[in-house]
Amino acid sequence: MAQTEAIWKPTVFARKLTGRIRYFFYQLSVARFRGFDLYLNSPDRLVLEDVIIPYFVSRSEYHKILFIGCDWYTKPYRKLFKNKEYWTIEIEEWKKRYGSQRHIVDSFLNLSRHIESGYFDVLIYNGVFGHGINTKEDTEESFHQCFNALRQGGILVFGWNNVPQYRPISVTTECDNLKKFEDYFFEPLSTAEYLVPNTEYKHTFHFYQKPVAN
């Protein structure tokens, strides 16, 4: 009797499972493990996590810290800031799982509704300009909120992609509220403005300080 070759046709469940497996390996391709935590694997995140955050963690004068925006790759920051008063703010409620215990569910543009003026020592405003803050009006308001939230002498870390598609305005020259800040010389990188090498989107960290009144 001739043998009949069986042809396997994947079920709907099998196709869904295959898709999930592919997505899992895609996530791994853009991530790296440290212990049991998952971190985003990109040059700018390495600078943020290996240079910028450790500097502020090590300095006692910087205790109250706000991180703007949350996603899966920010969840481990709770551990990095475990000895600080660490806050997060994110407009999408479902992302609060990736934030701090002191988490605010709201637009960053409404920050002053939740905290008093001059409350924070450090604000980390990274990857939000051009990815949610997309107009000149919103950009101006975002830096107004930063200025209001920081104490005198407080530090603003502004990380952004310096390419046309993610640069709604020429922020460093066109934003009036950003001009209220002074450049801050960030010792670990020996500059106030650092272009991360080998990033497709020219990710740049700019360091600012709220002036101290005379």
C-alpha atoms as a PDB file:
ATOM      1  CA  MET A   1       0.000   0.000   0.000  1.00  0.00           C
ATOM      2  CA  ALA A   2       1.383   3.383  -0.960  1.00  0.00           C
ATOM      3  CA  GLN A   3       2.140   5.625   1.955  1.00  0.00           C
ATOM      4  CA  THR A   4       0.328   8.933   2.058  1.00  0.00           C
ATOM      5  CA  GLU A   5       2.469  11.867   3.100  1.00  0.00           C
ATOM      6  CA  ALA A   6       0.857  13.818   5.905  1.00  0.00           C
ATOM      7  CA  ILE A   7       0.743  17.565   5.443  1.00  0.00           C
ATOM      8  CA  TRP A   8       0.727  19.551   8.727  1.00  0.00           C
ATOM      9  CA  LYS A   9      -1.353  22.674   8.693  1.00  0.00           C
ATOM     10  CA  PRO A  10      -0.903  24.913  11.728  1.00  0.00           C
ATOM     11  CA  THR A  11      -3.978  25.574  13.795  1.00  0.00           C
ATOM     12  CA  VAL A  12      -5.059  29.068  14.755  1.00  0.00           C
ATOM     13  CA  PHE A  13      -3.619  28.434  18.230  1.00  0.00           C
ATOM     14  CA  ALA A  14      -0.297  27.319  16.763  1.00  0.00           C
ATOM     15  CA  ARG A  15      -0.101  30.415  14.571  1.00  0.00           C
ATOM     16  CA  LYS A  16      -0.806  32.657  17.566  1.00  0.00           C
ATOM     17  CA  LEU A  17       1.796  30.829  19.634  1.00  0.00           C
ATOM     18  CA  THR A  18       4.365  31.164  16.857  1.00  0.00           C
ATOM     19  CA  GLY A  19       3.630  34.891  16.651  1.00  0.00           C
ATOM     20  CA  ARG A  20       4.113  35.278  20.391  1.00  0.00           C
ATOM     21  CA  ILE A  21       7.386  33.382  20.283  1.00  0.00           C
ATOM     22  CA  ARG A  22       8.625  35.617  17.484  1.00  0.00           C
ATOM     23  CA  TYR A  23       7.615  38.697  19.457  1.00  0.00           C
ATOM     24  CA  PHE A  24       9.422  37.358  22.533  1.00  0.00           C
ATOM     25  CA  PHE A  25      12.646  36.911  20.604  1.00  0.00           C
ATOM     26  CA  TYR A  26      12.200  40.348  19.041  1.00  0.00           C
ATOM     27  CA  GLN A  27      11.978  41.820  22.540  1.00  0.00           C
ATOM     28  CA  LEU A  28      15.142  39.971  23.491  1.00  0.00           C
ATOM     29  CA  SER A  29      16.860  41.359  20.411  1.00  0.00           C
ATOM     30  CA  VAL A  30      16.345  44.915  21.663  1.00  0.00           C
ATOM     31  CA  ALA A  31      16.948  44.144  25.337  1.00  0.00           C
ATOM     32  CA  ARG A  32      19.631  42.915  27.689  1.00  0.00           C
ATOM     33  CA  PHE A  33      19.507  41.132  31.010  1.00  0.00           C
ATOM     34  CA  ARG A  34      21.111  42.264  34.246  1.00  0.00           C
ATOM     35  CA  GLY A  35      20.407  39.657  36.866  1.00  0.00           C
ATOM     36  CA  PHE A  36      16.678  39.105  36.531  1.00  0.00           C
ATOM     37  CA  ASP A  37      15.855  42.561  35.153  1.00  0.00           C
ATOM     38  CA  LEU A  38      15.290  43.438  31.518  1.00  0.00           C
ATOM     39  CA  TYR A  39      16.846  46.635  30.142  1.00  0.00           C
ATOM     40  CA  LEU A  40      16.596  48.329  26.757  1.00  0.00           C
ATOM     41  CA  ASN A  41      19.721  47.588  24.761  1.00  0.00           C
ATOM     42  CA  SER A  42      20.672  50.875  23.103  1.00  0.00           C
ATOM     43  CA  PRO A  43      23.718  53.155  23.387  1.00  0.00           C
ATOM     44  CA  ASP A  44      21.725  56.052  24.875  1.00  0.00           C
ATOM     45  CA  ARG A  45      20.218  53.811  27.581  1.00  0.00           C
ATOM     46  CA  LEU A  46      23.687  52.577  28.464  1.00  0.00           C
ATOM     47  CA  VAL A  47      24.803  56.165  29.006  1.00  0.00           C
ATOM     48  CA  LEU A  48      21.688  56.905  31.067  1.00  0.00           C
ATOM     49  CA  GLU A  49      21.911  53.772  33.214  1.00  0.00           C
ATOM     50  CA  ASP A  50      25.685  53.410  33.553  1.00  0.00           C
ATOM     51  CA  VAL A  51      26.744  57.058  33.817  1.00  0.00           C
ATOM     52  CA  ILE A  52      23.946  59.543  34.452  1.00  0.00           C
ATOM     53  CA  ILE A  53      21.747  57.708  36.962  1.00  0.00           C
ATOM     54  CA  PRO A  54      24.682  56.387  39.070  1.00  0.00           C
ATOM     55  CA  TYR A  55      26.038  59.931  39.380  1.00  0.00           C
ATOM     56  CA  PHE A  56      22.835  61.268  40.915  1.00  0.00           C
ATOM     57  CA  VAL A  57      22.393  58.154  43.048  1.00  0.00           C
ATOM     58  CA  SER A  58      25.856  58.704  44.531  1.00  0.00           C
ATOM     59  CA  ARG A  59      25.300  62.367  45.450  1.00  0.00           C
ATOM     60  CA  SER A  60      23.509  63.098  48.715  1.00  0.00           C
ATOM     61  CA  GLU A  61      22.391  66.574  47.631  1.00  0.00           C
ATOM     62  CA  TYR A  62      20.157  65.019  44.980  1.00  0.00           C
ATOM     63  CA  HIS A  63      17.456  63.114  46.837  1.00  0.00           C
ATOM     64  CA  LYS A  64      14.075  63.952  45.274  1.00  0.00           C
ATOM     65  CA  ILE A  65      14.105  62.707  41.696  1.00  0.00           C
ATOM     66  CA  LEU A  66      11.361  62.674  39.053  1.00  0.00           C
ATOM     67  CA  PHE A  67      11.558  60.480  35.970  1.00  0.00           C
ATOM     68  CA  ILE A  68       9.217  61.542  33.155  1.00  0.00           C
ATOM     69  CA  GLY A  69       7.592  58.717  31.178  1.00  0.00           C
ATOM     70  CA  CYS A  70       7.444  54.972  31.885  1.00  0.00           C
ATOM     71  CA  ASP A  71       7.655  51.744  29.904  1.00  0.00           C
ATOM     72  CA  TRP A  72       8.851  48.171  30.441  1.00  0.00           C
ATOM     73  CA  TYR A  73      12.509  49.205  30.339  1.00  0.00           C
ATOM     74  CA  THR A  74      12.105  51.740  33.182  1.00  0.00           C
ATOM     75  CA  LYS A  75      10.768  49.204  35.695  1.00  0.00           C
ATOM     76  CA  PRO A  76      14.280  48.296  37.038  1.00  0.00           C
ATOM     77  CA  TYR A  77      14.921  51.959  37.887  1.00  0.00           C
ATOM     78  CA  ARG A  78      13.062  51.389  41.158  1.00  0.00           C
ATOM     79  CA  LYS A  79      16.075  49.420  42.320  1.00  0.00           C
ATOM     80  CA  LEU A  80      18.566  51.953  41.004  1.00  0.00           C
ATOM     81  CA  PHE A  81      16.835  54.728  42.975  1.00  0.00           C
ATOM     82  CA  LYS A  82      15.932  52.606  46.012  1.00  0.00           C
ATOM     83  CA  ASN A  83      17.693  54.973  48.436  1.00  0.00           C
ATOM     84  CA  LYS A  84      16.162  58.096  46.898  1.00  0.00           C
ATOM     85  CA  GLU A  85      12.705  59.658  46.926  1.00  0.00           C
ATOM     86  CA  TYR A  86      11.946  58.458  43.421  1.00  0.00           C
ATOM     87  CA  TRP A  87       8.879  59.682  41.515  1.00  0.00           C
ATOM     88  CA  THR A  88       7.517  58.894  38.053  1.00  0.00           C
ATOM     89  CA  ILE A  89       4.810  60.441  35.882  1.00  0.00           C
ATOM     90  CA  GLU A  90       3.115  58.837  32.874  1.00  0.00           C
ATOM     91  CA  ILE A  91      -0.112  59.717  31.074  1.00  0.00           C
ATOM     92  CA  GLU A  92      -1.078  56.122  30.206  1.00  0.00           C
ATOM     93  CA  GLU A  93      -2.541  54.498  33.319  1.00  0.00           C
ATOM     94  CA  TRP A  94      -1.628  50.911  32.373  1.00  0.00           C
ATOM     95  CA  LYS A  95       2.069  51.823  32.419  1.00  0.00           C
ATOM     96  CA  LYS A  96       2.042  52.617  36.137  1.00  0.00           C
ATOM     97  CA  ARG A  97       3.281  49.051  36.684  1.00  0.00           C
ATOM     98  CA  TYR A  98       6.616  50.276  35.308  1.00  0.00           C
ATOM     99  CA  GLY A  99       6.783  53.351  37.526  1.00  0.00           C
ATOM    100  CA  SER A 100       7.750  54.083  41.099  1.00  0.00           C
ATOM    101  CA  GLN A 101       5.730  53.693  44.280  1.00  0.00           C
ATOM    102  CA  ARG A 102       5.288  57.484  44.093  1.00  0.00           C
ATOM    103  CA  HIS A 103       3.687  57.425  40.656  1.00  0.00           C
ATOM    104  CA  ILE A 104       1.488  60.093  39.063  1.00  0.00           C
ATOM    105  CA  VAL A 105      -0.988  59.137  36.321  1.00  0.00           C
ATOM    106  CA  ASP A 106      -1.341  62.304  34.262  1.00  0.00           C
ATOM    107  CA  SER A 107       0.213  64.316  31.494  1.00  0.00           C
ATOM    108  CA  PHE A 108       3.595  65.782  32.354  1.00  0.00           C
ATOM    109  CA  LEU A 109       2.083  69.113  31.307  1.00  0.00           C
ATOM    110  CA  ASN A 110      -0.115  68.942  34.422  1.00  0.00           C
ATOM    111  CA  LEU A 111       2.705  68.239  36.877  1.00  0.00           C
ATOM    112  CA  SER A 112       2.060  71.400  38.924  1.00  0.00           C
ATOM    113  CA  ARG A 113      -1.353  70.003  39.896  1.00  0.00           C
ATOM    114  CA  HIS A 114       0.379  67.244  41.854  1.00  0.00           C
ATOM    115  CA  ILE A 115       3.487  68.739  43.448  1.00  0.00           C
ATOM    116  CA  GLU A 116       4.480  72.039  44.994  1.00  0.00           C
ATOM    117  CA  SER A 117       6.827  74.468  43.316  1.00  0.00           C
ATOM    118  CA  GLY A 118      10.536  73.803  43.822  1.00  0.00           C
ATOM    119  CA  TYR A 119      10.003  70.266  45.128  1.00  0.00           C
ATOM    120  CA  PHE A 120      12.504  68.210  43.112  1.00  0.00           C
ATOM    121  CA  ASP A 121      16.300  68.134  43.048  1.00  0.00           C
ATOM    122  CA  VAL A 122      16.547  66.351  39.687  1.00  0.00           C
ATOM    123  CA  LEU A 123      14.229  65.881  36.697  1.00  0.00           C
ATOM    124  CA  ILE A 124      15.029  63.317  33.998  1.00  0.00           C
ATOM    125  CA  TYR A 125      13.135  64.296  30.853  1.00  0.00           C
ATOM    126  CA  ASN A 126      14.293  61.714  28.327  1.00  0.00           C
ATOM    127  CA  GLY A 127      12.688  60.347  25.173  1.00  0.00           C
ATOM    128  CA  VAL A 128       9.475  62.382  25.500  1.00  0.00           C
ATOM    129  CA  PHE A 129      10.187  65.425  23.314  1.00  0.00           C
ATOM    130  CA  GLY A 130       9.133  64.362  19.806  1.00  0.00           C
ATOM    131  CA  HIS A 131       7.358  61.320  21.232  1.00  0.00           C
ATOM    132  CA  GLY A 132       4.289  62.908  22.828  1.00  0.00           C
ATOM    133  CA  ILE A 133       5.519  66.472  23.268  1.00  0.00           C
ATOM    134  CA  ASN A 134       5.119  67.337  19.611  1.00  0.00           C
ATOM    135  CA  THR A 135       4.230  71.037  19.308  1.00  0.00           C
ATOM    136  CA  LYS A 136       5.915  74.312  20.227  1.00  0.00           C
ATOM    137  CA  GLU A 137       3.122  75.080  22.679  1.00  0.00           C
ATOM    138  CA  ASP A 138       3.540  71.757  24.488  1.00  0.00           C
ATOM    139  CA  THR A 139       7.318  72.094  24.423  1.00  0.00           C
ATOM    140  CA  GLU A 140       7.148  75.507  26.063  1.00  0.00           C
ATOM    141  CA  GLU A 141       4.730  74.198  28.704  1.00  0.00           C
ATOM    142  CA  SER A 142       6.901  71.160  29.392  1.00  0.00           C
ATOM    143  CA  PHE A 143       9.913  73.322  30.248  1.00  0.00           C
ATOM    144  CA  HIS A 144       7.736  75.672  32.267  1.00  0.00           C
ATOM    145  CA  GLN A 145       6.701  72.630  34.319  1.00  0.00           C
ATOM    146  CA  CYS A 146      10.350  71.594  34.687  1.00  0.00           C
ATOM    147  CA  PHE A 147      11.385  75.046  35.852  1.00  0.00           C
ATOM    148  CA  ASN A 148       8.514  75.249  38.337  1.00  0.00           C
ATOM    149  CA  ALA A 149       9.111  71.751  39.748  1.00  0.00           C
ATOM    150  CA  LEU A 150      12.860  72.133  40.374  1.00  0.00           C
ATOM    151  CA  ARG A 151      14.388  73.822  43.399  1.00  0.00           C
ATOM    152  CA  GLN A 152      16.989  76.526  42.843  1.00  0.00           C
ATOM    153  CA  GLY A 153      20.176  74.765  41.807  1.00  0.00           C
ATOM    154  CA  GLY A 154      18.194  71.688  40.752  1.00  0.00           C
ATOM    155  CA  ILE A 155      19.267  69.729  37.669  1.00  0.00           C
ATOM    156  CA  LEU A 156      17.338  68.974  34.482  1.00  0.00           C
ATOM    157  CA  VAL A 157      18.568  66.085  32.316  1.00  0.00           C
ATOM    158  CA  PHE A 158      17.026  66.504  28.871  1.00  0.00           C
ATOM    159  CA  GLY A 159      17.457  63.616  26.419  1.00  0.00           C
ATOM    160  CA  TRP A 160      16.184  63.956  22.855  1.00  0.00           C
ATOM    161  CA  ASN A 161      16.640  62.719  19.296  1.00  0.00           C
ATOM    162  CA  ASN A 162      18.255  65.459  17.246  1.00  0.00           C
ATOM    163  CA  VAL A 163      16.813  64.484  13.850  1.00  0.00           C
ATOM    164  CA  PRO A 164      14.020  66.256  11.918  1.00  0.00           C
ATOM    165  CA  GLN A 165      11.337  63.574  12.330  1.00  0.00           C
ATOM    166  CA  TYR A 166      11.630  63.680  16.131  1.00  0.00           C
ATOM    167  CA  ARG A 167      12.409  67.375  16.530  1.00  0.00           C
ATOM    168  CA  PRO A 168       9.157  69.377  16.344  1.00  0.00           C
ATOM    169  CA  ILE A 169      11.094  72.610  16.899  1.00  0.00           C
ATOM    170  CA  SER A 170      14.740  73.580  17.206  1.00  0.00           C
ATOM    171  CA  VAL A 171      14.347  73.284  20.932  1.00  0.00           C
ATOM    172  CA  THR A 172      17.654  74.727  22.132  1.00  0.00           C
ATOM    173  CA  THR A 173      17.188  77.953  20.135  1.00  0.00           C
ATOM    174  CA  GLU A 174      13.407  78.363  19.820  1.00  0.00           C
ATOM    175  CA  CYS A 175      12.098  77.408  23.264  1.00  0.00           C
ATOM    176  CA  ASP A 176      11.861  80.506  25.471  1.00  0.00           C
ATOM    177  CA  ASN A 177      11.215  78.581  28.694  1.00  0.00           C
ATOM    178  CA  LEU A 178      14.302  76.451  28.158  1.00  0.00           C
ATOM    179  CA  LYS A 179      16.359  79.664  28.068  1.00  0.00           C
ATOM    180  CA  LYS A 180      15.465  80.263  31.738  1.00  0.00           C
ATOM    181  CA  PHE A 181      17.910  77.474  32.629  1.00  0.00           C
ATOM    182  CA  GLU A 182      21.684  77.625  32.732  1.00  0.00           C
ATOM    183  CA  ASP A 183      23.953  74.996  31.202  1.00  0.00           C
ATOM    184  CA  TYR A 184      25.226  72.538  33.795  1.00  0.00           C
ATOM    185  CA  PHE A 185      28.682  71.027  33.361  1.00  0.00           C
ATOM    186  CA  PHE A 186      28.164  67.314  33.946  1.00  0.00           C
ATOM    187  CA  GLU A 187      31.477  66.060  35.275  1.00  0.00           C
ATOM    188  CA  PRO A 188      31.246  62.341  34.361  1.00  0.00           C
ATOM    189  CA  LEU A 189      30.868  63.249  30.667  1.00  0.00           C
ATOM    190  CA  SER A 190      32.925  66.483  30.868  1.00  0.00           C
ATOM    191  CA  THR A 191      30.302  68.514  29.030  1.00  0.00           C
ATOM    192  CA  ALA A 192      26.889  70.151  29.256  1.00  0.00           C
ATOM    193  CA  GLU A 193      25.748  68.609  25.960  1.00  0.00           C
ATOM    194  CA  TYR A 194      26.598  65.028  25.014  1.00  0.00           C
ATOM    195  CA  LEU A 195      25.863  63.417  21.662  1.00  0.00           C
ATOM    196  CA  VAL A 196      25.746  59.659  22.225  1.00  0.00           C
ATOM    197  CA  PRO A 197      28.031  57.906  19.698  1.00  0.00           C
ATOM    198  CA  ASN A 198      26.610  55.353  17.286  1.00  0.00           C
ATOM    199  CA  THR A 199      22.946  56.300  17.616  1.00  0.00           C
ATOM    200  CA  GLU A 200      20.835  56.434  14.477  1.00  0.00           C
ATOM    201  CA  TYR A 201      18.714  59.274  15.828  1.00  0.00           C
ATOM    202  CA  LYS A 202      21.601  61.369  17.202  1.00  0.00           C
ATOM    203  CA  HIS A 203      20.361  61.013  20.753  1.00  0.00           C
ATOM    204  CA  THR A 204      21.652  63.909  22.807  1.00  0.00           C
ATOM    205  CA  PHE A 205      21.730  64.541  26.540  1.00  0.00           C
ATOM    206  CA  HIS A 206      21.697  68.176  27.590  1.00  0.00           C
ATOM    207  CA  PHE A 207      22.272  69.115  31.220  1.00  0.00           C
ATOM    208  CA  TYR A 208      20.696  72.222  32.719  1.00  0.00           C
ATOM    209  CA  GLN A 209      20.497  73.869  36.118  1.00  0.00           C
ATOM    210  CA  LYS A 210      17.812  76.130  37.549  1.00  0.00           C
ATOM    211  CA  PRO A 211      19.635  79.342  38.516  1.00  0.00           C
ATOM    212  CA  VAL A 212      20.165  80.215  42.147  1.00  0.00           C
ATOM    213  CA  ALA A 213      18.796  83.633  43.018  1.00  0.00           C
ATOM    214  CA  ASN A 214      21.366  86.164  44.216  1.00  0.00           C
END
